[in-house]
Every structure is written in C-alpha cells, then in structure tokens.
Amino acid sequence: MCVAYPGKIIEIKGEFAKVDFGAGTIRDNVLISLVNAKVGDYVLVHAGYAIQVVDEEEAKKTIEMWEEMTKELDEEQRRRDLYEAIGGGTNG
C-alpha cells in the first residue's frame, strides 16, 4: 500500500525542507523540488518526496483520519507506522 502523509514545512534549505508531521516526528530531508511550497505550507509526503501542497484544513482532516484508523495502536507503534509512511524505513 502507498501512503502519503501531510506535514507542515517549518524550514527550507535549497531543495529540501524540514517538515513537522506531528506526534514528535520531524524530518529534515524531505525533497520539495516537485512542488511549489514555502515555509508554513502543508505538503503530502510519500517516500521522502513532497508530492502535493494541500491546504491546512485538508491536511488536518487527513491527520484526523489517520489517528482514527490507528487509535488502537500504542503510541510507539503509531510513530513507527508514520515514520515508515513518510519514507523513513523502519524505526525501532
């Protein structure tokens, strides 16, 4: 299954951004060259690439759906699943 997860760009350095995905997950190497994004924008990230800019409301709805789907998992498992979804491989 392919999953893209929304996060908020908090810093940009060249073609890469630091993105806050919530739940204590921040990645500083998300490639943003495929989209026209700026600090403060929400982007969908798949496999380490920002593939689409989305508005804040849509991003928050997606995050709420993700949390609903994973509410039965413990916090550590939720973080591992999120990390894998955004292209981080396994973490743990």
PDB file of N, CA and C in Angstrom:
ATOM      1  N   MET A   1       0.837  -1.170   0.000  1.00  0.00           N
ATOM      2  CA  MET A   1       0.000   0.000   0.000  1.00  0.00           C
ATOM      3  C   MET A   1       0.885   1.237   0.000  1.00  0.00           C
ATOM      4  N   CYS A   2       0.516   2.232  -0.759  1.00  0.00           N
ATOM      5  CA  CYS A   2       1.228   3.507  -0.796  1.00  0.00           C
ATOM      6  C   CYS A   2       0.451   4.527   0.023  1.00  0.00           C
ATOM      7  N   VAL A   3       1.165   5.246   0.861  1.00  0.00           N
ATOM      8  CA  VAL A   3       0.534   6.235   1.717  1.00  0.00           C
ATOM      9  C   VAL A   3       1.308   7.542   1.618  1.00  0.00           C
ATOM     10  N   ALA A   4       0.601   8.647   1.473  1.00  0.00           N
ATOM     11  CA  ALA A   4       1.202   9.973   1.570  1.00  0.00           C
ATOM     12  C   ALA A   4       0.621  10.622   2.815  1.00  0.00           C
ATOM     13  N   TYR A   5       1.480  11.241   3.609  1.00  0.00           N
ATOM     14  CA  TYR A   5       1.057  11.808   4.881  1.00  0.00           C
ATOM     15  C   TYR A   5       1.333  13.307   4.895  1.00  0.00           C
ATOM     16  N   PRO A   6       0.414  14.119   5.416  1.00  0.00           N
ATOM     17  CA  PRO A   6       0.629  15.563   5.423  1.00  0.00           C
ATOM     18  C   PRO A   6       1.535  16.016   6.557  1.00  0.00           C
ATOM     19  N   GLY A   7       2.324  17.032   6.258  1.00  0.00           N
ATOM     20  CA  GLY A   7       3.154  17.659   7.266  1.00  0.00           C
ATOM     21  C   GLY A   7       3.322  19.126   6.930  1.00  0.00           C
ATOM     22  N   LYS A   8       3.745  19.889   7.922  1.00  0.00           N
ATOM     23  CA  LYS A   8       3.898  21.337   7.762  1.00  0.00           C
ATOM     24  C   LYS A   8       5.374  21.674   7.593  1.00  0.00           C
ATOM     25  N   ILE A   9       5.680  22.417   6.540  1.00  0.00           N
ATOM     26  CA  ILE A   9       7.059  22.835   6.298  1.00  0.00           C
ATOM     27  C   ILE A   9       7.440  23.899   7.329  1.00  0.00           C
ATOM     28  N   ILE A  10       8.540  23.626   8.053  1.00  0.00           N
ATOM     29  CA  ILE A  10       8.976  24.583   9.065  1.00  0.00           C
ATOM     30  C   ILE A  10      10.307  25.239   8.703  1.00  0.00           C
ATOM     31  N   GLU A  11      10.986  24.699   7.693  1.00  0.00           N
ATOM     32  CA  GLU A  11      12.245  25.291   7.249  1.00  0.00           C
ATOM     33  C   GLU A  11      12.585  24.759   5.863  1.00  0.00           C
ATOM     34  N   ILE A  12      13.198  25.591   5.028  1.00  0.00           N
ATOM     35  CA  ILE A  12      13.612  25.170   3.685  1.00  0.00           C
ATOM     36  C   ILE A  12      15.089  25.506   3.504  1.00  0.00           C
ATOM     37  N   LYS A  13      15.825  24.507   2.988  1.00  0.00           N
ATOM     38  CA  LYS A  13      17.227  24.697   2.625  1.00  0.00           C
ATOM     39  C   LYS A  13      17.419  24.103   1.235  1.00  0.00           C
ATOM     40  N   GLY A  14      17.481  24.972   0.235  1.00  0.00           N
ATOM     41  CA  GLY A  14      17.625  24.508  -1.141  1.00  0.00           C
ATOM     42  C   GLY A  14      16.401  23.737  -1.579  1.00  0.00           C
ATOM     43  N   GLU A  15      16.611  22.496  -2.028  1.00  0.00           N
ATOM     44  CA  GLU A  15      15.504  21.652  -2.493  1.00  0.00           C
ATOM     45  C   GLU A  15      14.935  20.769  -1.385  1.00  0.00           C
ATOM     46  N   PHE A  16      15.414  20.942  -0.168  1.00  0.00           N
ATOM     47  CA  PHE A  16      14.962  20.109   0.942  1.00  0.00           C
ATOM     48  C   PHE A  16      14.292  20.951   2.013  1.00  0.00           C
ATOM     49  N   ALA A  17      13.357  20.320   2.718  1.00  0.00           N
ATOM     50  CA  ALA A  17      12.626  21.011   3.770  1.00  0.00           C
ATOM     51  C   ALA A  17      12.623  20.185   5.045  1.00  0.00           C
ATOM     52  N   LYS A  18      12.518  20.899   6.152  1.00  0.00           N
ATOM     53  CA  LYS A  18      12.249  20.266   7.440  1.00  0.00           C
ATOM     54  C   LYS A  18      10.739  20.300   7.590  1.00  0.00           C
ATOM     55  N   VAL A  19      10.150  19.133   7.807  1.00  0.00           N
ATOM     56  CA  VAL A  19       8.696  19.008   7.847  1.00  0.00           C
ATOM     57  C   VAL A  19       8.268  18.404   9.177  1.00  0.00           C
ATOM     58  N   ASP A  20       7.292  19.041   9.812  1.00  0.00           N
ATOM     59  CA  ASP A  20       6.736  18.576  11.073  1.00  0.00           C
ATOM     60  C   ASP A  20       5.474  17.768  10.780  1.00  0.00           C
ATOM     61  N   PHE A  21       5.513  16.478  11.128  1.00  0.00           N
ATOM     62  CA  PHE A  21       4.378  15.587  10.901  1.00  0.00           C
ATOM     63  C   PHE A  21       3.541  15.396  12.162  1.00  0.00           C
ATOM     64  N   GLY A  22       3.889  16.089  13.230  1.00  0.00           N
ATOM     65  CA  GLY A  22       3.180  15.918  14.484  1.00  0.00           C
ATOM     66  C   GLY A  22       3.635  14.644  15.181  1.00  0.00           C
ATOM     67  N   ALA A  23       3.081  14.374  16.332  1.00  0.00           N
ATOM     68  CA  ALA A  23       3.396  13.175  17.113  1.00  0.00           C
ATOM     69  C   ALA A  23       4.891  13.042  17.367  1.00  0.00           C
ATOM     70  N   GLY A  24       5.593  14.173  17.421  1.00  0.00           N
ATOM     71  CA  GLY A  24       7.024  14.145  17.685  1.00  0.00           C
ATOM     72  C   GLY A  24       7.887  13.737  16.506  1.00  0.00           C
ATOM     73  N   THR A  25       7.317  13.720  15.313  1.00  0.00           N
ATOM     74  CA  THR A  25       8.051  13.297  14.124  1.00  0.00           C
ATOM     75  C   THR A  25       8.359  14.495  13.241  1.00  0.00           C
ATOM     76  N   ILE A  26       9.658  14.796  13.117  1.00  0.00           N
ATOM     77  CA  ILE A  26      10.131  15.863  12.244  1.00  0.00           C
ATOM     78  C   ILE A  26      11.213  15.277  11.350  1.00  0.00           C
ATOM     79  N   ARG A  27      11.081  15.497  10.039  1.00  0.00           N
ATOM     80  CA  ARG A  27      12.102  15.048   9.079  1.00  0.00           C
ATOM     81  C   ARG A  27      12.723  16.281   8.470  1.00  0.00           C
ATOM     82  N   ASP A  28      14.059  16.276   8.357  1.00  0.00           N
ATOM     83  CA  ASP A  28      14.723  17.451   7.815  1.00  0.00           C
ATOM     84  C   ASP A  28      15.272  17.244   6.411  1.00  0.00           C
ATOM     85  N   ASN A  29      14.853  16.176   5.766  1.00  0.00           N
ATOM     86  CA  ASN A  29      15.379  15.883   4.426  1.00  0.00           C
ATOM     87  C   ASN A  29      14.287  15.513   3.431  1.00  0.00           C
ATOM     88  N   VAL A  30      13.165  16.218   3.487  1.00  0.00           N
ATOM     89  CA  VAL A  30      12.075  15.973   2.543  1.00  0.00           C
ATOM     90  C   VAL A  30      12.350  16.770   1.269  1.00  0.00           C
ATOM     91  N   LEU A  31      12.427  16.082   0.153  1.00  0.00           N
ATOM     92  CA  LEU A  31      12.682  16.738  -1.128  1.00  0.00           C
ATOM     93  C   LEU A  31      11.420  17.462  -1.581  1.00  0.00           C
ATOM     94  N   ILE A  32      11.543  18.774  -1.846  1.00  0.00           N
ATOM     95  CA  ILE A  32      10.365  19.568  -2.220  1.00  0.00           C
ATOM     96  C   ILE A  32      10.452  20.114  -3.640  1.00  0.00           C
ATOM     97  N   SER A  33      11.392  19.628  -4.430  1.00  0.00           N
ATOM     98  CA  SER A  33      11.579  20.178  -5.782  1.00  0.00           C
ATOM     99  C   SER A  33      10.423  19.872  -6.728  1.00  0.00           C
ATOM    100  N   LEU A  34       9.542  18.949  -6.370  1.00  0.00           N
ATOM    101  CA  LEU A  34       8.410  18.607  -7.226  1.00  0.00           C
ATOM    102  C   LEU A  34       7.218  19.531  -7.034  1.00  0.00           C
ATOM    103  N   VAL A  35       7.251  20.343  -5.973  1.00  0.00           N
ATOM    104  CA  VAL A  35       6.114  21.213  -5.656  1.00  0.00           C
ATOM    105  C   VAL A  35       6.585  22.643  -5.426  1.00  0.00           C
ATOM    106  N   ASN A  36       5.668  23.573  -5.525  1.00  0.00           N
ATOM    107  CA  ASN A  36       5.954  24.976  -5.251  1.00  0.00           C
ATOM    108  C   ASN A  36       5.461  25.264  -3.841  1.00  0.00           C
ATOM    109  N   ALA A  37       6.335  25.062  -2.849  1.00  0.00           N
ATOM    110  CA  ALA A  37       5.929  25.187  -1.457  1.00  0.00           C
ATOM    111  C   ALA A  37       6.829  26.178  -0.738  1.00  0.00           C
ATOM    112  N   LYS A  38       6.283  26.729   0.349  1.00  0.00           N
ATOM    113  CA  LYS A  38       7.035  27.675   1.169  1.00  0.00           C
ATOM    114  C   LYS A  38       6.840  27.313   2.644  1.00  0.00           C
ATOM    115  N   VAL A  39       7.641  27.926   3.498  1.00  0.00           N
ATOM    116  CA  VAL A  39       7.518  27.702   4.938  1.00  0.00           C
ATOM    117  C   VAL A  39       6.088  28.020   5.361  1.00  0.00           C
ATOM    118  N   GLY A  40       5.509  27.125   6.145  1.00  0.00           N
ATOM    119  CA  GLY A  40       4.135  27.283   6.608  1.00  0.00           C
ATOM    120  C   GLY A  40       3.128  26.477   5.809  1.00  0.00           C
ATOM    121  N   ASP A  41       3.509  26.045   4.603  1.00  0.00           N
ATOM    122  CA  ASP A  41       2.617  25.219   3.776  1.00  0.00           C
ATOM    123  C   ASP A  41       2.555  23.797   4.312  1.00  0.00           C
ATOM    124  N   TYR A  42       1.429  23.157   4.061  1.00  0.00           N
ATOM    125  CA  TYR A  42       1.284  21.728   4.311  1.00  0.00           C
ATOM    126  C   TYR A  42       1.514  21.001   2.997  1.00  0.00           C
ATOM    127  N   VAL A  43       2.261  19.912   3.065  1.00  0.00           N
ATOM    128  CA  VAL A  43       2.533  19.103   1.879  1.00  0.00           C
ATOM    129  C   VAL A  43       2.243  17.642   2.180  1.00  0.00           C
ATOM    130  N   LEU A  44       1.846  16.898   1.140  1.00  0.00           N
ATOM    131  CA  LEU A  44       1.729  15.454   1.255  1.00  0.00           C
ATOM    132  C   LEU A  44       3.087  14.865   0.923  1.00  0.00           C
ATOM    133  N   VAL A  45       3.571  13.977   1.784  1.00  0.00           N
ATOM    134  CA  VAL A  45       4.895  13.386   1.606  1.00  0.00           C
ATOM    135  C   VAL A  45       4.744  11.883   1.424  1.00  0.00           C
ATOM    136  N   HIS A  46       5.392  11.388   0.377  1.00  0.00           N
ATOM    137  CA  HIS A  46       5.438   9.954   0.107  1.00  0.00           C
ATOM    138  C   HIS A  46       6.883   9.584  -0.202  1.00  0.00           C
ATOM    139  N   ALA A  47       7.410   8.625   0.517  1.00  0.00           N
ATOM    140  CA  ALA A  47       8.757   8.102   0.284  1.00  0.00           C
ATOM    141  C   ALA A  47       9.815   9.203   0.275  1.00  0.00           C
ATOM    142  N   GLY A  48       9.643  10.199   1.145  1.00  0.00           N
ATOM    143  CA  GLY A  48      10.629  11.261   1.266  1.00  0.00           C
ATOM    144  C   GLY A  48      10.475  12.417   0.300  1.00  0.00           C
ATOM    145  N   TYR A  49       9.444  12.373  -0.542  1.00  0.00           N
ATOM    146  CA  TYR A  49       9.185  13.433  -1.523  1.00  0.00           C
ATOM    147  C   TYR A  49       7.885  14.140  -1.199  1.00  0.00           C
ATOM    148  N   ALA A  50       7.895  15.470  -1.222  1.00  0.00           N
ATOM    149  CA  ALA A  50       6.651  16.229  -1.157  1.00  0.00           C
ATOM    150  C   ALA A  50       6.025  16.125  -2.542  1.00  0.00           C
ATOM    151  N   ILE A  51       4.808  15.584  -2.609  1.00  0.00           N
ATOM    152  CA  ILE A  51       4.184  15.350  -3.914  1.00  0.00           C
ATOM    153  C   ILE A  51       3.025  16.293  -4.208  1.00  0.00           C
ATOM    154  N   GLN A  52       2.578  17.032  -3.184  1.00  0.00           N
ATOM    155  CA  GLN A  52       1.462  17.945  -3.399  1.00  0.00           C
ATOM    156  C   GLN A  52       1.376  18.921  -2.235  1.00  0.00           C
ATOM    157  N   VAL A  53       1.058  20.172  -2.533  1.00  0.00           N
ATOM    158  CA  VAL A  53       0.741  21.147  -1.493  1.00  0.00           C
ATOM    159  C   VAL A  53      -0.753  21.030  -1.221  1.00  0.00           C
ATOM    160  N   VAL A  54      -1.127  20.993   0.055  1.00  0.00           N
ATOM    161  CA  VAL A  54      -2.541  20.898   0.431  1.00  0.00           C
ATOM    162  C   VAL A  54      -2.868  22.016   1.417  1.00  0.00           C
ATOM    163  N   ASP A  55      -4.139  22.392   1.451  1.00  0.00           N
ATOM    164  CA  ASP A  55      -4.488  23.440   2.401  1.00  0.00           C
ATOM    165  C   ASP A  55      -4.543  22.866   3.818  1.00  0.00           C
ATOM    166  N   GLU A  56      -4.465  23.755   4.783  1.00  0.00           N
ATOM    167  CA  GLU A  56      -4.372  23.343   6.184  1.00  0.00           C
ATOM    168  C   GLU A  56      -5.584  22.511   6.608  1.00  0.00           C
ATOM    169  N   GLU A  57      -6.760  22.902   6.174  1.00  0.00           N
ATOM    170  CA  GLU A  57      -7.973  22.166   6.553  1.00  0.00           C
ATOM    171  C   GLU A  57      -7.927  20.724   6.038  1.00  0.00           C
ATOM    172  N   GLU A  58      -7.543  20.552   4.772  1.00  0.00           N
ATOM    173  CA  GLU A  58      -7.439  19.211   4.203  1.00  0.00           C
ATOM    174  C   GLU A  58      -6.384  18.395   4.939  1.00  0.00           C
ATOM    175  N   ALA A  59      -5.249  19.019   5.258  1.00  0.00           N
ATOM    176  CA  ALA A  59      -4.183  18.330   5.974  1.00  0.00           C
ATOM    177  C   ALA A  59      -4.676  17.859   7.341  1.00  0.00           C
ATOM    178  N   LYS A  60      -5.370  18.734   8.049  1.00  0.00           N
ATOM    179  CA  LYS A  60      -5.856  18.362   9.386  1.00  0.00           C
ATOM    180  C   LYS A  60      -6.905  17.263   9.322  1.00  0.00           C
ATOM    181  N   LYS A  61      -7.757  17.276   8.301  1.00  0.00           N
ATOM    182  CA  LYS A  61      -8.732  16.194   8.132  1.00  0.00           C
ATOM    183  C   LYS A  61      -8.025  14.861   7.898  1.00  0.00           C
ATOM    184  N   THR A  62      -6.991  14.889   7.082  1.00  0.00           N
ATOM    185  CA  THR A  62      -6.236  13.659   6.803  1.00  0.00           C
ATOM    186  C   THR A  62      -5.565  13.155   8.072  1.00  0.00           C
ATOM    187  N   ILE A  63      -4.988  14.053   8.849  1.00  0.00           N
ATOM    188  CA  ILE A  63      -4.353  13.659  10.111  1.00  0.00           C
ATOM    189  C   ILE A  63      -5.383  13.052  11.056  1.00  0.00           C
ATOM    190  N   GLU A  64      -6.565  13.653  11.141  1.00  0.00           N
ATOM    191  CA  GLU A  64      -7.631  13.110  11.987  1.00  0.00           C
ATOM    192  C   GLU A  64      -8.031  11.705  11.535  1.00  0.00           C
ATOM    193  N   MET A  65      -8.149  11.502  10.214  1.00  0.00           N
ATOM    194  CA  MET A  65      -8.499  10.162   9.701  1.00  0.00           C
ATOM    195  C   MET A  65      -7.414   9.160  10.046  1.00  0.00           C
ATOM    196  N   TRP A  66      -6.140   9.554   9.893  1.00  0.00           N
ATOM    197  CA  TRP A  66      -5.020   8.670  10.225  1.00  0.00           C
ATOM    198  C   TRP A  66      -5.091   8.283  11.708  1.00  0.00           C
ATOM    199  N   GLU A  67      -5.341   9.266  12.572  1.00  0.00           N
ATOM    200  CA  GLU A  67      -5.421   8.996  14.004  1.00  0.00           C
ATOM    201  C   GLU A  67      -6.590   8.068  14.324  1.00  0.00           C
ATOM    202  N   GLU A  68      -7.696   8.253  13.642  1.00  0.00           N
ATOM    203  CA  GLU A  68      -8.851   7.375  13.855  1.00  0.00           C
ATOM    204  C   GLU A  68      -8.529   5.938  13.443  1.00  0.00           C
ATOM    205  N   MET A  69      -7.855   5.794  12.300  1.00  0.00           N
ATOM    206  CA  MET A  69      -7.512   4.450  11.814  1.00  0.00           C
ATOM    207  C   MET A  69      -6.509   3.751  12.724  1.00  0.00           C
ATOM    208  N   THR A  70      -5.680   4.521  13.413  1.00  0.00           N
ATOM    209  CA  THR A  70      -4.607   3.917  14.206  1.00  0.00           C
ATOM    210  C   THR A  70      -4.823   4.039  15.709  1.00  0.00           C
ATOM    211  N   LYS A  71      -6.016   4.436  16.142  1.00  0.00           N
ATOM    212  CA  LYS A  71      -6.240   4.699  17.564  1.00  0.00           C
ATOM    213  C   LYS A  71      -6.044   3.466  18.443  1.00  0.00           C
ATOM    214  N   GLU A  72      -6.171   2.301  17.881  1.00  0.00           N
ATOM    215  CA  GLU A  72      -5.997   1.080  18.661  1.00  0.00           C
ATOM    216  C   GLU A  72      -4.521   0.732  18.890  1.00  0.00           C
ATOM    217  N   LEU A  73      -3.650   1.354  18.130  1.00  0.00           N
ATOM    218  CA  LEU A  73      -2.227   1.077  18.272  1.00  0.00           C
ATOM    219  C   LEU A  73      -1.653   1.895  19.424  1.00  0.00           C
ATOM    220  N   ASP A  74      -0.611   1.364  20.058  1.00  0.00           N
ATOM    221  CA  ASP A  74       0.036   2.173  21.084  1.00  0.00           C
ATOM    222  C   ASP A  74       0.865   3.282  20.428  1.00  0.00           C
ATOM    223  N   GLU A  75       1.264   4.251  21.200  1.00  0.00           N
ATOM    224  CA  GLU A  75       1.944   5.440  20.666  1.00  0.00           C
ATOM    225  C   GLU A  75       3.218   5.082  19.909  1.00  0.00           C
ATOM    226  N   GLU A  76       4.007   4.153  20.415  1.00  0.00           N
ATOM    227  CA  GLU A  76       5.256   3.787  19.739  1.00  0.00           C
ATOM    228  C   GLU A  76       4.981   3.158  18.378  1.00  0.00           C
ATOM    229  N   GLN A  77       3.973   2.304  18.290  1.00  0.00           N
ATOM    230  CA  GLN A  77       3.622   1.694  17.004  1.00  0.00           C
ATOM    231  C   GLN A  77       3.121   2.752  16.031  1.00  0.00           C
ATOM    232  N   ARG A  78       2.343   3.730  16.513  1.00  0.00           N
ATOM    233  CA  ARG A  78       1.859   4.812  15.650  1.00  0.00           C
ATOM    234  C   ARG A  78       3.029   5.599  15.072  1.00  0.00           C
ATOM    235  N   ARG A  79       4.042   5.875  15.887  1.00  0.00           N
ATOM    236  CA  ARG A  79       5.221   6.600  15.405  1.00  0.00           C
ATOM    237  C   ARG A  79       5.981   5.789  14.373  1.00  0.00           C
ATOM    238  N   ARG A  80       6.120   4.483  14.608  1.00  0.00           N
ATOM    239  CA  ARG A  80       6.812   3.635  13.625  1.00  0.00           C
ATOM    240  C   ARG A  80       6.065   3.614  12.304  1.00  0.00           C
ATOM    241  N   ASP A  81       4.743   3.468  12.372  1.00  0.00           N
ATOM    242  CA  ASP A  81       3.939   3.437  11.146  1.00  0.00           C
ATOM    243  C   ASP A  81       4.034   4.762  10.394  1.00  0.00           C
ATOM    244  N   LEU A  82       3.975   5.879  11.119  1.00  0.00           N
ATOM    245  CA  LEU A  82       4.102   7.190  10.482  1.00  0.00           C
ATOM    246  C   LEU A  82       5.473   7.335   9.839  1.00  0.00           C
ATOM    247  N   TYR A  83       6.513   6.947  10.553  1.00  0.00           N
ATOM    248  CA  TYR A  83       7.883   7.066  10.032  1.00  0.00           C
ATOM    249  C   TYR A  83       8.041   6.275   8.747  1.00  0.00           C
ATOM    250  N   GLU A  84       7.496   5.065   8.714  1.00  0.00           N
ATOM    251  CA  GLU A  84       7.572   4.250   7.507  1.00  0.00           C
ATOM    252  C   GLU A  84       6.756   4.874   6.371  1.00  0.00           C
ATOM    253  N   ALA A  85       5.595   5.438   6.687  1.00  0.00           N
ATOM    254  CA  ALA A  85       4.721   6.029   5.666  1.00  0.00           C
ATOM    255  C   ALA A  85       5.370   7.212   4.954  1.00  0.00           C
ATOM    256  N   ILE A  86       6.201   7.958   5.685  1.00  0.00           N
ATOM    257  CA  ILE A  86       6.807   9.141   5.074  1.00  0.00           C
ATOM    258  C   ILE A  86       8.178   8.857   4.474  1.00  0.00           C
ATOM    259  N   GLY A  87       8.534   7.576   4.417  1.00  0.00           N
ATOM    260  CA  GLY A  87       9.762   7.218   3.717  1.00  0.00           C
ATOM    261  C   GLY A  87      10.965   7.032   4.591  1.00  0.00           C
ATOM    262  N   GLY A  88      10.757   6.768   5.864  1.00  0.00           N
ATOM    263  CA  GLY A  88      11.883   6.624   6.775  1.00  0.00           C
ATOM    264  C   GLY A  88      12.335   5.194   6.995  1.00  0.00           C
ATOM    265  N   GLY A  89      11.752   4.233   6.280  1.00  0.00           N
ATOM    266  CA  GLY A  89      12.126   2.839   6.535  1.00  0.00           C
ATOM    267  C   GLY A  89      11.575   2.400   7.862  1.00  0.00           C
ATOM    268  N   THR A  90      12.281   1.522   8.520  1.00  0.00           N
ATOM    269  CA  THR A  90      11.835   1.093   9.839  1.00  0.00           C
ATOM    270  C   THR A  90      12.567   1.893  10.892  1.00  0.00           C
ATOM    271  N   ASN A  91      11.908   2.102  11.992  1.00  0.00           N
ATOM    272  CA  ASN A  91      12.472   2.900  13.083  1.00  0.00           C
ATOM    273  C   ASN A  91      12.173   2.202  14.391  1.00  0.00           C
ATOM    274  N   GLY A  92      12.991   1.310  14.759  1.00  0.00           N
ATOM    275  CA  GLY A  92      12.718   0.695  16.039  1.00  0.00           C
ATOM    276  C   GLY A  92      13.038  -0.719  16.021  1.00  0.00           C
TER     277      GLY A  92
END
